[in-house]
N, C-alpha and C. Protein backbone atom coordinates (compact mmCIF):
# COMPACT_ATOMS: atom_id res chain seq x y z
N UNK A 1 5.60 28.86 23.12
CA UNK A 1 4.78 28.25 22.10
C UNK A 1 5.56 27.14 21.41
N UNK A 2 4.80 26.25 20.79
CA UNK A 2 5.44 25.15 20.07
C UNK A 2 5.91 25.62 18.70
N UNK A 3 7.08 25.15 18.31
CA UNK A 3 7.59 25.44 16.97
C UNK A 3 6.86 24.55 15.98
N UNK A 4 6.63 25.05 14.75
CA UNK A 4 5.96 24.21 13.76
C UNK A 4 6.79 22.97 13.45
N UNK A 5 6.12 21.81 13.40
CA UNK A 5 6.82 20.56 13.14
C UNK A 5 6.98 20.35 11.64
N UNK A 6 8.13 19.79 11.28
CA UNK A 6 8.35 19.45 9.89
C UNK A 6 7.62 18.15 9.60
N UNK A 7 7.08 18.01 8.40
CA UNK A 7 6.41 16.75 8.07
C UNK A 7 7.40 15.58 8.08
N UNK A 8 6.93 14.45 8.57
CA UNK A 8 7.76 13.26 8.66
C UNK A 8 7.70 12.54 7.32
N UNK A 9 8.86 12.12 6.81
CA UNK A 9 8.88 11.39 5.55
C UNK A 9 8.18 10.04 5.73
N UNK A 10 7.59 9.50 4.66
CA UNK A 10 6.91 8.21 4.78
C UNK A 10 7.83 7.09 5.27
N UNK A 11 9.08 7.10 4.81
CA UNK A 11 10.02 6.06 5.26
C UNK A 11 10.33 6.19 6.75
N UNK A 12 10.47 7.41 7.22
CA UNK A 12 10.75 7.63 8.64
C UNK A 12 9.55 7.21 9.47
N UNK A 13 8.35 7.54 9.01
CA UNK A 13 7.14 7.15 9.74
C UNK A 13 7.00 5.63 9.76
N UNK A 14 7.33 4.98 8.66
CA UNK A 14 7.28 3.52 8.61
C UNK A 14 8.22 2.92 9.66
N UNK A 15 9.42 3.48 9.76
CA UNK A 15 10.38 2.99 10.75
C UNK A 15 9.86 3.19 12.18
N UNK A 16 9.21 4.33 12.42
CA UNK A 16 8.64 4.59 13.74
C UNK A 16 7.56 3.55 14.07
N UNK A 17 6.71 3.24 13.10
CA UNK A 17 5.64 2.27 13.34
C UNK A 17 6.21 0.86 13.53
N UNK A 18 7.26 0.52 12.77
CA UNK A 18 7.85 -0.80 12.91
C UNK A 18 8.58 -0.96 14.25
N UNK A 19 8.96 0.16 14.86
CA UNK A 19 9.64 0.11 16.16
C UNK A 19 8.67 -0.25 17.29
N UNK A 20 7.38 -0.09 17.05
CA UNK A 20 6.37 -0.43 18.06
C UNK A 20 6.16 -1.94 18.02
N UNK A 21 6.25 -2.62 19.16
CA UNK A 21 6.01 -4.07 19.17
C UNK A 21 4.61 -4.39 18.62
N UNK A 22 4.52 -5.50 17.87
CA UNK A 22 3.27 -5.85 17.20
C UNK A 22 2.09 -5.91 18.14
N UNK A 23 2.28 -6.44 19.32
CA UNK A 23 1.19 -6.59 20.27
C UNK A 23 0.70 -5.27 20.85
N UNK A 24 1.49 -4.21 20.68
CA UNK A 24 1.13 -2.91 21.26
C UNK A 24 0.60 -1.92 20.22
N UNK A 25 0.56 -2.30 18.96
CA UNK A 25 0.07 -1.40 17.91
C UNK A 25 -1.45 -1.32 17.94
N UNK A 26 -1.95 -0.12 17.73
CA UNK A 26 -3.40 0.07 17.63
C UNK A 26 -3.85 -0.28 16.21
N UNK A 27 -5.17 -0.40 16.03
CA UNK A 27 -5.71 -0.67 14.69
C UNK A 27 -5.32 0.46 13.72
N UNK A 28 -5.37 1.71 14.21
CA UNK A 28 -5.01 2.85 13.36
C UNK A 28 -3.54 2.76 12.94
N UNK A 29 -2.68 2.34 13.86
CA UNK A 29 -1.26 2.21 13.54
C UNK A 29 -1.04 1.08 12.54
N UNK A 30 -1.76 -0.04 12.69
CA UNK A 30 -1.66 -1.14 11.73
C UNK A 30 -2.10 -0.67 10.35
N UNK A 31 -3.21 0.07 10.31
CA UNK A 31 -3.71 0.57 9.03
C UNK A 31 -2.70 1.50 8.36
N UNK A 32 -2.14 2.41 9.16
CA UNK A 32 -1.15 3.35 8.62
C UNK A 32 0.10 2.60 8.14
N UNK A 33 0.52 1.59 8.89
CA UNK A 33 1.68 0.79 8.53
C UNK A 33 1.44 0.08 7.20
N UNK A 34 0.26 -0.53 7.04
CA UNK A 34 -0.05 -1.22 5.79
C UNK A 34 -0.10 -0.26 4.61
N UNK A 35 -0.71 0.90 4.81
CA UNK A 35 -0.78 1.90 3.73
C UNK A 35 0.61 2.38 3.32
N UNK A 36 1.47 2.63 4.31
CA UNK A 36 2.83 3.08 4.00
C UNK A 36 3.62 2.00 3.27
N UNK A 37 3.47 0.74 3.68
CA UNK A 37 4.20 -0.33 3.00
C UNK A 37 3.75 -0.45 1.54
N UNK A 38 2.45 -0.34 1.31
CA UNK A 38 1.94 -0.42 -0.06
C UNK A 38 2.44 0.77 -0.88
N UNK A 39 2.35 1.95 -0.30
CA UNK A 39 2.77 3.17 -1.00
C UNK A 39 4.26 3.11 -1.35
N UNK A 40 5.07 2.71 -0.41
CA UNK A 40 6.52 2.68 -0.64
C UNK A 40 6.90 1.55 -1.59
N UNK A 41 6.20 0.44 -1.54
CA UNK A 41 6.50 -0.67 -2.46
C UNK A 41 6.16 -0.27 -3.89
N UNK A 42 5.03 0.41 -4.09
CA UNK A 42 4.66 0.81 -5.45
C UNK A 42 5.59 1.89 -5.97
N UNK A 43 6.07 2.78 -5.12
CA UNK A 43 7.01 3.80 -5.59
C UNK A 43 8.35 3.17 -5.94
N UNK A 44 8.74 2.10 -5.25
CA UNK A 44 9.98 1.39 -5.59
C UNK A 44 9.85 0.73 -6.94
N UNK A 45 8.68 0.16 -7.23
CA UNK A 45 8.47 -0.51 -8.51
C UNK A 45 8.55 0.48 -9.66
N UNK A 46 8.04 1.69 -9.47
CA UNK A 46 8.06 2.69 -10.52
C UNK A 46 9.47 3.20 -10.77
N UNK A 47 10.31 3.23 -9.76
CA UNK A 47 11.67 3.75 -9.89
C UNK A 47 12.67 2.69 -10.29
N UNK A 48 12.34 1.43 -10.19
CA UNK A 48 13.30 0.34 -10.41
C UNK A 48 13.99 0.39 -11.76
N UNK A 49 13.29 0.58 -12.90
CA UNK A 49 14.01 0.58 -14.18
C UNK A 49 15.04 1.70 -14.29
N UNK A 50 14.78 2.82 -13.67
CA UNK A 50 15.72 3.94 -13.75
C UNK A 50 16.96 3.69 -12.92
N UNK A 51 16.79 3.07 -11.76
CA UNK A 51 17.90 2.91 -10.84
C UNK A 51 18.67 1.63 -11.05
N UNK A 52 18.06 0.62 -11.69
CA UNK A 52 18.71 -0.68 -11.84
C UNK A 52 19.83 -0.64 -12.86
N UNK A 53 20.92 -1.33 -12.57
CA UNK A 53 22.05 -1.39 -13.50
C UNK A 53 21.76 -2.32 -14.66
N UNK A 54 20.79 -3.23 -14.51
CA UNK A 54 20.48 -4.20 -15.54
C UNK A 54 19.28 -3.77 -16.37
N UNK A 55 19.00 -2.49 -16.43
CA UNK A 55 17.81 -1.99 -17.08
C UNK A 55 17.55 -2.49 -18.49
N UNK A 56 18.55 -2.53 -19.37
CA UNK A 56 18.34 -2.89 -20.76
C UNK A 56 18.89 -4.26 -21.12
N UNK A 57 19.26 -5.06 -20.16
CA UNK A 57 19.81 -6.38 -20.44
C UNK A 57 18.65 -7.35 -20.66
N UNK A 58 18.62 -8.07 -21.78
CA UNK A 58 17.54 -9.02 -22.01
C UNK A 58 17.56 -10.15 -20.98
N UNK A 59 16.39 -10.69 -20.68
CA UNK A 59 16.27 -11.73 -19.66
C UNK A 59 16.99 -13.00 -20.04
N UNK A 60 17.24 -13.23 -21.33
CA UNK A 60 17.85 -14.47 -21.76
C UNK A 60 19.33 -14.33 -22.08
N UNK A 61 19.94 -13.24 -21.69
CA UNK A 61 21.35 -13.01 -22.02
C UNK A 61 22.23 -14.10 -21.43
N UNK A 62 23.07 -14.69 -22.28
CA UNK A 62 24.03 -15.68 -21.82
C UNK A 62 23.46 -17.06 -21.61
N UNK A 63 22.22 -17.28 -21.97
CA UNK A 63 21.62 -18.60 -21.78
C UNK A 63 21.31 -19.20 -23.15
N UNK A 64 21.60 -20.46 -23.35
CA UNK A 64 21.38 -21.08 -24.66
C UNK A 64 19.91 -21.22 -25.00
N UNK A 65 19.60 -20.98 -26.26
CA UNK A 65 18.26 -21.24 -26.76
C UNK A 65 17.19 -20.26 -26.33
N UNK A 66 17.53 -19.27 -25.59
CA UNK A 66 16.55 -18.27 -25.19
C UNK A 66 15.67 -18.69 -24.02
N UNK A 67 15.81 -19.89 -23.53
CA UNK A 67 15.03 -20.32 -22.38
C UNK A 67 15.67 -19.72 -21.13
N UNK A 68 14.91 -19.03 -20.29
CA UNK A 68 15.52 -18.35 -19.14
C UNK A 68 16.18 -19.29 -18.14
N UNK A 69 15.81 -20.56 -18.15
CA UNK A 69 16.41 -21.50 -17.21
C UNK A 69 17.50 -22.35 -17.86
N UNK A 70 17.71 -22.18 -19.16
CA UNK A 70 18.76 -22.91 -19.85
C UNK A 70 18.46 -24.39 -20.02
N UNK A 71 17.21 -24.79 -19.89
CA UNK A 71 16.85 -26.20 -20.02
C UNK A 71 16.12 -26.44 -21.32
N UNK A 72 16.21 -27.68 -21.80
CA UNK A 72 15.43 -28.05 -22.98
C UNK A 72 13.99 -28.23 -22.56
N UNK A 73 13.10 -27.91 -23.45
CA UNK A 73 11.69 -28.06 -23.13
C UNK A 73 11.17 -29.35 -23.72
N UNK A 74 10.15 -29.89 -23.13
CA UNK A 74 9.46 -31.00 -23.75
C UNK A 74 9.60 -32.32 -23.03
N UNK A 75 9.06 -32.45 -21.87
CA UNK A 75 8.94 -33.75 -21.23
C UNK A 75 10.24 -34.36 -20.75
N UNK A 76 10.41 -35.66 -21.06
CA UNK A 76 11.53 -36.42 -20.53
C UNK A 76 12.68 -36.57 -21.51
N UNK A 77 12.66 -35.86 -22.59
CA UNK A 77 13.74 -35.94 -23.55
C UNK A 77 13.31 -36.67 -24.82
N UNK A 78 14.26 -36.81 -25.73
CA UNK A 78 13.96 -37.39 -27.05
C UNK A 78 13.61 -38.88 -26.97
N UNK A 79 14.17 -39.60 -26.01
CA UNK A 79 13.96 -41.05 -25.93
C UNK A 79 12.54 -41.42 -25.50
N UNK A 80 11.81 -40.50 -24.90
CA UNK A 80 10.50 -40.84 -24.39
C UNK A 80 9.41 -40.75 -25.47
N UNK A 81 9.74 -40.25 -26.62
CA UNK A 81 8.74 -40.11 -27.68
C UNK A 81 8.41 -41.46 -28.29
N UNK A 82 7.13 -41.66 -28.56
CA UNK A 82 6.69 -42.91 -29.20
C UNK A 82 7.05 -42.91 -30.67
N UNK A 83 7.45 -44.05 -31.15
CA UNK A 83 7.71 -44.18 -32.58
C UNK A 83 6.47 -44.73 -33.25
N UNK A 84 6.19 -44.22 -34.42
CA UNK A 84 4.98 -44.66 -35.12
C UNK A 84 5.34 -45.49 -36.31
């Protein structure tokens, strides 16, 4: 008789599906692959703040003026403004 199979983890199943060449995948395999990618991506997003080393670091740390790109805002600079 067959021994009971252990359930395959979603990551392992994803790897098995990715090992199949794209041209040889069935519609059901494509559907399962897409569902697993979505499921695993959303679980990664939920776990990211806990696992990330930069969890509590503000986005503007070390940048002047609080702008995330460190650039001045407002067009072409002070010289481009019209004088009245």
